[in-house]
């Protein structure tokens, strides 16, 4: 499985997952930043089902917070 997300400023994030067993997946996060001359960084890790769900919940929480700030027009420092 491979999912890529591209930001408006050209930065890109990709998440790849290879199922190792019924309980584990090898997940690789790859980011490319236009601000650092297209420097790509890879972060491989093995996650259990519970860890993958915890990570997904954390990312969803960040997205919810960003939407809240945008909807309420808060100024960020």
C-alpha atoms as a PDB file:
ATOM      1  CA  UNK A   1       0.000   0.000   0.000  1.00  0.00           C
ATOM      2  CA  UNK A   2       1.329   3.474  -0.870  1.00  0.00           C
ATOM      3  CA  UNK A   3      -0.314   6.817  -0.073  1.00  0.00           C
ATOM      4  CA  UNK A   4       1.126  10.190  -1.121  1.00  0.00           C
ATOM      5  CA  UNK A   5       0.034  13.651  -0.043  1.00  0.00           C
ATOM      6  CA  UNK A   6       1.305  16.846  -1.642  1.00  0.00           C
ATOM      7  CA  UNK A   7       1.034  20.168   0.181  1.00  0.00           C
ATOM      8  CA  UNK A   8       0.267  23.468  -1.499  1.00  0.00           C
ATOM      9  CA  UNK A   9       3.862  24.634  -1.046  1.00  0.00           C
ATOM     10  CA  UNK A  10       5.243  21.627  -2.915  1.00  0.00           C
ATOM     11  CA  UNK A  11       6.244  19.537   0.104  1.00  0.00           C
ATOM     12  CA  UNK A  12       5.279  15.894  -0.210  1.00  0.00           C
ATOM     13  CA  UNK A  13       4.761  13.040   2.231  1.00  0.00           C
ATOM     14  CA  UNK A  14       4.396   9.379   1.331  1.00  0.00           C
ATOM     15  CA  UNK A  15       3.473   6.449   3.526  1.00  0.00           C
ATOM     16  CA  UNK A  16       4.162   2.917   2.392  1.00  0.00           C
ATOM     17  CA  UNK A  17       3.127  -0.228   4.222  1.00  0.00           C
ATOM     18  CA  UNK A  18       4.053  -3.854   3.711  1.00  0.00           C
ATOM     19  CA  UNK A  19       2.137  -6.384   5.776  1.00  0.00           C
ATOM     20  CA  UNK A  20       4.585  -8.632   7.610  1.00  0.00           C
ATOM     21  CA  UNK A  21       2.038 -10.780   9.448  1.00  0.00           C
ATOM     22  CA  UNK A  22      -1.469 -10.630  10.874  1.00  0.00           C
ATOM     23  CA  UNK A  23      -0.085  -8.429  13.641  1.00  0.00           C
ATOM     24  CA  UNK A  24       2.741  -6.369  12.112  1.00  0.00           C
ATOM     25  CA  UNK A  25       3.353  -4.034   9.191  1.00  0.00           C
ATOM     26  CA  UNK A  26       6.582  -2.458   7.997  1.00  0.00           C
ATOM     27  CA  UNK A  27       5.717   1.211   7.511  1.00  0.00           C
ATOM     28  CA  UNK A  28       7.959   3.743   5.760  1.00  0.00           C
ATOM     29  CA  UNK A  29       7.420   7.493   5.984  1.00  0.00           C
ATOM     30  CA  UNK A  30       9.108   9.523   3.267  1.00  0.00           C
ATOM     31  CA  UNK A  31       9.091  13.305   3.147  1.00  0.00           C
ATOM     32  CA  UNK A  32      10.363  15.638   0.467  1.00  0.00           C
ATOM     33  CA  UNK A  33      10.720  19.330   1.235  1.00  0.00           C
ATOM     34  CA  UNK A  34      11.027  22.059  -1.368  1.00  0.00           C
ATOM     35  CA  UNK A  35      12.440  24.331   1.321  1.00  0.00           C
ATOM     36  CA  UNK A  36      15.527  22.144   1.705  1.00  0.00           C
ATOM     37  CA  UNK A  37      16.261  21.742  -2.027  1.00  0.00           C
ATOM     38  CA  UNK A  38      14.062  18.646  -2.403  1.00  0.00           C
ATOM     39  CA  UNK A  39      15.809  16.786   0.388  1.00  0.00           C
ATOM     40  CA  UNK A  40      14.114  13.422   0.916  1.00  0.00           C
ATOM     41  CA  UNK A  41      14.084  11.739   4.291  1.00  0.00           C
ATOM     42  CA  UNK A  42      12.970   8.145   4.957  1.00  0.00           C
ATOM     43  CA  UNK A  43      11.879   6.757   8.308  1.00  0.00           C
ATOM     44  CA  UNK A  44      11.182   3.001   8.296  1.00  0.00           C
ATOM     45  CA  UNK A  45       9.487   1.411  11.317  1.00  0.00           C
ATOM     46  CA  UNK A  46       7.551  -1.698  12.247  1.00  0.00           C
ATOM     47  CA  UNK A  47       4.140  -1.076  13.816  1.00  0.00           C
ATOM     48  CA  UNK A  48       1.646  -3.339  15.510  1.00  0.00           C
ATOM     49  CA  UNK A  49      -2.048  -2.886  14.762  1.00  0.00           C
ATOM     50  CA  UNK A  50      -2.501  -0.880  17.966  1.00  0.00           C
ATOM     51  CA  UNK A  51       0.492   1.350  17.215  1.00  0.00           C
ATOM     52  CA  UNK A  52      -0.764   2.024  13.680  1.00  0.00           C
ATOM     53  CA  UNK A  53      -4.187   3.012  15.055  1.00  0.00           C
ATOM     54  CA  UNK A  54      -2.550   5.258  17.670  1.00  0.00           C
ATOM     55  CA  UNK A  55      -0.517   6.982  14.966  1.00  0.00           C
ATOM     56  CA  UNK A  56      -3.625   7.389  12.802  1.00  0.00           C
ATOM     57  CA  UNK A  57      -5.499   8.924  15.746  1.00  0.00           C
ATOM     58  CA  UNK A  58      -2.633  11.337  16.405  1.00  0.00           C
ATOM     59  CA  UNK A  59      -2.586  12.476  12.765  1.00  0.00           C
ATOM     60  CA  UNK A  60      -6.370  12.894  12.802  1.00  0.00           C
ATOM     61  CA  UNK A  61      -6.082  15.003  15.962  1.00  0.00           C
ATOM     62  CA  UNK A  62      -3.567  17.286  14.249  1.00  0.00           C
ATOM     63  CA  UNK A  63      -5.875  17.672  11.244  1.00  0.00           C
ATOM     64  CA  UNK A  64      -8.801  18.473  13.572  1.00  0.00           C
ATOM     65  CA  UNK A  65      -6.724  21.119  15.363  1.00  0.00           C
ATOM     66  CA  UNK A  66      -5.702  22.759  12.078  1.00  0.00           C
ATOM     67  CA  UNK A  67      -9.328  22.822  10.911  1.00  0.00           C
ATOM     68  CA  UNK A  68     -10.388  24.357  14.243  1.00  0.00           C
ATOM     69  CA  UNK A  69      -7.782  27.115  13.946  1.00  0.00           C
ATOM     70  CA  UNK A  70      -8.786  27.789  10.336  1.00  0.00           C
ATOM     71  CA  UNK A  71     -12.519  27.838  11.119  1.00  0.00           C
ATOM     72  CA  UNK A  72     -12.036  30.225  14.025  1.00  0.00           C
ATOM     73  CA  UNK A  73      -9.492  32.393  12.178  1.00  0.00           C
ATOM     74  CA  UNK A  74      -6.946  32.273  14.974  1.00  0.00           C
ATOM     75  CA  UNK A  75      -3.657  34.026  14.260  1.00  0.00           C
ATOM     76  CA  UNK A  76      -0.670  31.777  14.768  1.00  0.00           C
ATOM     77  CA  UNK A  77       2.674  33.168  16.008  1.00  0.00           C
END
